[in-house]
């Protein structure tokens, strides 16, 4: 297992559509292991292959254990994931992204989704997710389509600067003026 370099907003790979995985081999298993290690080391709850420069339809998700949150606390590695059903109920929530460090934004997501995909051996499976687990799956599957959470903000002013590593605590500083000073592309700020 090895750490992979996370790609940041502005890297063209984050805007590409990922390709379907057809080979279920040791290279795929290594990619998934590396992604899980990279996600955990970076204190993330999900990671998509494009975030580490690989345009393959592969995601890993692992939310903290919560007895009120079915499906939390376990590592999901899903190949070729897709959402086949989504609840009509939408829930606003703050999201961050390992590819957009130092920012959080408010995004409306479906409260529950059904996800179909394949495991590391290529076996098909389906499961239902709700709450935070559903939100993370939607966020990571968006990455496979070249979509970032900042493309789905509830409003342009619903993006906030937070202290480094504080995305989960969301200590909002409400100052996006630092984006230009930090050399971050503004394409995703001016909606």
Protein backbone atom coordinates (compact mmCIF):
# COMPACT_ATOMS: atom_id res chain seq x y z
CA UNK A 1 0.00 0.00 0.00
CA UNK A 2 1.12 3.51 -0.77
CA UNK A 3 -0.12 7.04 -0.42
CA UNK A 4 -1.32 8.64 -3.62
CA UNK A 5 -1.04 12.34 -4.41
CA UNK A 6 -4.39 14.10 -4.21
CA UNK A 7 -5.19 16.35 -7.16
CA UNK A 8 -6.55 19.82 -6.41
CA UNK A 9 -9.18 21.98 -8.08
CA UNK A 10 -7.80 23.34 -11.33
CA UNK A 11 -6.26 19.98 -12.30
CA UNK A 12 -8.00 18.93 -15.55
CA UNK A 13 -8.34 15.30 -14.41
CA UNK A 14 -11.01 16.39 -11.90
CA UNK A 15 -13.24 17.59 -14.76
CA UNK A 16 -12.96 14.44 -16.89
CA UNK A 17 -15.51 11.64 -16.99
CA UNK A 18 -14.06 8.46 -15.55
CA UNK A 19 -13.93 5.28 -17.61
CA UNK A 20 -15.69 2.04 -16.78
CA UNK A 21 -13.46 -0.58 -15.16
CA UNK A 22 -13.33 -3.86 -17.07
CA UNK A 23 -10.26 -5.50 -15.50
CA UNK A 24 -10.60 -6.80 -11.97
CA UNK A 25 -7.00 -7.63 -11.18
CA UNK A 26 -4.20 -7.00 -8.69
CA UNK A 27 -3.66 -3.48 -10.06
CA UNK A 28 -7.26 -2.61 -9.20
CA UNK A 29 -6.90 -4.08 -5.71
CA UNK A 30 -3.73 -2.04 -5.18
CA UNK A 31 -5.47 1.13 -6.36
CA UNK A 32 -8.33 0.57 -3.90
CA UNK A 33 -5.92 -0.13 -1.02
CA UNK A 34 -3.92 2.98 -1.85
CA UNK A 35 -7.07 5.09 -2.10
CA UNK A 36 -8.31 3.87 1.28
CA UNK A 37 -4.95 4.63 2.88
CA UNK A 38 -4.80 8.07 1.25
CA UNK A 39 -8.37 8.87 2.33
CA UNK A 40 -7.72 7.83 5.94
CA UNK A 41 -4.39 9.65 6.15
CA UNK A 42 -6.06 12.81 4.82
CA UNK A 43 -8.97 12.48 7.28
CA UNK A 44 -11.49 12.11 4.47
CA UNK A 45 -14.69 10.09 4.38
CA UNK A 46 -14.56 9.31 0.67
CA UNK A 47 -12.24 9.40 -2.30
CA UNK A 48 -12.75 8.90 -6.04
CA UNK A 49 -10.04 7.65 -8.40
CA UNK A 50 -9.89 10.94 -10.38
CA UNK A 51 -8.82 12.65 -7.16
CA UNK A 52 -5.60 10.64 -7.33
CA UNK A 53 -5.20 11.16 -11.08
CA UNK A 54 -6.81 7.92 -12.29
CA UNK A 55 -9.80 8.28 -14.63
CA UNK A 56 -11.43 5.02 -13.55
CA UNK A 57 -14.88 4.53 -12.03
CA UNK A 58 -13.63 3.58 -8.56
CA UNK A 59 -14.60 5.07 -5.19
CA UNK A 60 -13.95 4.34 -1.54
CA UNK A 61 -16.22 5.54 1.28
CA UNK A 62 -15.80 5.22 5.03
CA UNK A 63 -17.82 7.38 7.40
CA UNK A 64 -17.35 7.35 11.18
CA UNK A 65 -19.30 4.73 13.10
CA UNK A 66 -22.65 6.12 14.24
CA UNK A 67 -25.30 3.83 15.71
CA UNK A 68 -28.02 6.09 14.27
CA UNK A 69 -26.50 5.92 10.78
CA UNK A 70 -27.01 2.55 9.03
CA UNK A 71 -23.96 1.53 6.99
CA UNK A 72 -21.57 3.84 8.81
CA UNK A 73 -18.24 2.68 10.17
CA UNK A 74 -17.39 0.31 7.34
CA UNK A 75 -15.17 0.68 4.30
CA UNK A 76 -16.94 0.52 0.95
CA UNK A 77 -14.89 -0.03 -2.20
CA UNK A 78 -17.20 0.26 -5.18
CA UNK A 79 -16.23 -0.26 -8.79
CA UNK A 80 -18.42 1.24 -11.53
CA UNK A 81 -20.88 2.71 -9.02
CA UNK A 82 -24.12 4.31 -10.10
CA UNK A 83 -27.16 5.63 -8.33
CA UNK A 84 -30.25 3.79 -9.48
CA UNK A 85 -32.78 5.37 -7.12
CA UNK A 86 -32.88 8.54 -5.11
CA UNK A 87 -35.40 9.80 -2.58
CA UNK A 88 -37.44 12.86 -3.42
CA UNK A 89 -36.50 14.32 -0.05
CA UNK A 90 -33.51 16.64 -0.29
CA UNK A 91 -31.32 17.66 2.64
CA UNK A 92 -29.02 20.70 2.78
CA UNK A 93 -25.65 20.05 4.39
CA UNK A 94 -22.08 21.30 4.52
CA UNK A 95 -19.55 19.46 2.39
CA UNK A 96 -15.82 19.69 2.01
CA UNK A 97 -13.51 17.90 -0.39
CA UNK A 98 -9.95 16.67 -0.23
CA UNK A 99 -9.45 18.24 -3.67
CA UNK A 100 -10.65 21.64 -2.42
CA UNK A 101 -8.90 21.99 0.95
CA UNK A 102 -9.82 24.81 3.27
CA UNK A 103 -13.39 25.32 2.05
CA UNK A 104 -16.87 24.02 2.83
CA UNK A 105 -20.08 24.67 0.98
CA UNK A 106 -23.76 24.03 1.42
CA UNK A 107 -25.11 21.41 -0.99
CA UNK A 108 -28.57 19.83 -1.28
CA UNK A 109 -28.41 16.04 -1.62
CA UNK A 110 -30.97 13.25 -1.70
CA UNK A 111 -31.69 11.92 1.79
CA UNK A 112 -31.42 8.32 0.58
CA UNK A 113 -30.05 6.56 -2.50
CA UNK A 114 -29.74 3.07 -3.92
CA UNK A 115 -26.29 2.36 -5.33
CA UNK A 116 -25.35 -0.43 -7.72
CA UNK A 117 -21.77 -1.39 -8.38
CA UNK A 118 -19.21 -4.15 -8.41
CA UNK A 119 -16.76 -5.46 -5.84
CA UNK A 120 -13.04 -6.12 -6.42
CA UNK A 121 -13.82 -9.45 -8.08
CA UNK A 122 -16.37 -7.90 -10.42
CA UNK A 123 -19.42 -9.31 -8.64
CA UNK A 124 -22.44 -7.02 -8.92
CA UNK A 125 -24.21 -5.80 -5.80
CA UNK A 126 -26.72 -3.21 -4.69
CA UNK A 127 -27.33 -1.44 -1.41
CA UNK A 128 -29.31 1.41 0.07
CA UNK A 129 -27.71 4.32 1.88
CA UNK A 130 -29.16 7.22 3.82
CA UNK A 131 -27.96 10.23 5.77
CA UNK A 132 -24.23 10.96 5.71
CA UNK A 133 -23.42 7.70 3.94
CA UNK A 134 -25.81 8.64 1.10
CA UNK A 135 -24.34 12.15 0.92
CA UNK A 136 -20.79 10.82 0.61
CA UNK A 137 -21.76 8.35 -2.10
CA UNK A 138 -23.44 11.12 -4.10
CA UNK A 139 -20.38 13.36 -3.67
CA UNK A 140 -17.92 10.65 -4.77
CA UNK A 141 -20.02 9.46 -7.72
CA UNK A 142 -20.22 13.09 -8.88
CA UNK A 143 -16.41 13.05 -9.09
CA UNK A 144 -16.66 10.24 -11.63
CA UNK A 145 -18.65 12.60 -13.87
CA UNK A 146 -16.22 15.50 -13.50
CA UNK A 147 -18.55 17.30 -11.09
CA UNK A 148 -17.34 18.94 -7.87
CA UNK A 149 -19.50 19.90 -4.91
CA UNK A 150 -18.85 23.56 -5.67
CA UNK A 151 -20.85 23.06 -8.89
CA UNK A 152 -23.88 22.18 -6.77
CA UNK A 153 -23.84 24.87 -4.07
CA UNK A 154 -27.31 25.89 -2.91
CA UNK A 155 -26.26 29.48 -3.72
CA UNK A 156 -22.98 31.16 -4.79
CA UNK A 157 -22.60 32.72 -1.34
CA UNK A 158 -22.85 29.31 0.37
CA UNK A 159 -19.08 28.63 0.15
CA UNK A 160 -16.90 29.42 3.15
CA UNK A 161 -13.22 29.42 3.99
CA UNK A 162 -12.34 27.30 7.01
CA UNK A 163 -9.08 26.77 8.86
CA UNK A 164 -6.78 24.10 7.48
CA UNK A 165 -7.97 20.67 8.52
CA UNK A 166 -11.20 22.08 9.99
CA UNK A 167 -13.53 21.07 7.16
CA UNK A 168 -15.30 18.55 9.39
CA UNK A 169 -15.77 21.03 12.22
CA UNK A 170 -16.80 23.70 9.66
CA UNK A 171 -15.47 26.70 11.56
CA UNK A 172 -16.68 29.12 8.95
CA UNK A 173 -14.60 32.20 8.25
CA UNK A 174 -16.91 33.33 5.40
CA UNK A 175 -14.02 34.77 3.41
CA UNK A 176 -13.48 33.60 -0.15
CA UNK A 177 -11.27 36.57 -1.03
CA UNK A 178 -8.25 34.44 -0.13
CA UNK A 179 -8.87 32.25 -3.16
CA UNK A 180 -7.23 34.67 -5.57
CA UNK A 181 -4.36 35.37 -3.18
CA UNK A 182 -3.78 31.64 -2.76
CA UNK A 183 -3.62 31.23 -6.53
CA UNK A 184 -6.76 29.09 -6.60
CA UNK A 185 -8.72 29.23 -9.86
CA UNK A 186 -11.83 31.35 -9.55
CA UNK A 187 -13.81 29.41 -12.18
CA UNK A 188 -15.61 27.61 -9.39
CA UNK A 189 -16.27 30.59 -7.15
CA UNK A 190 -18.06 32.85 -9.61
CA UNK A 191 -21.01 30.60 -10.36
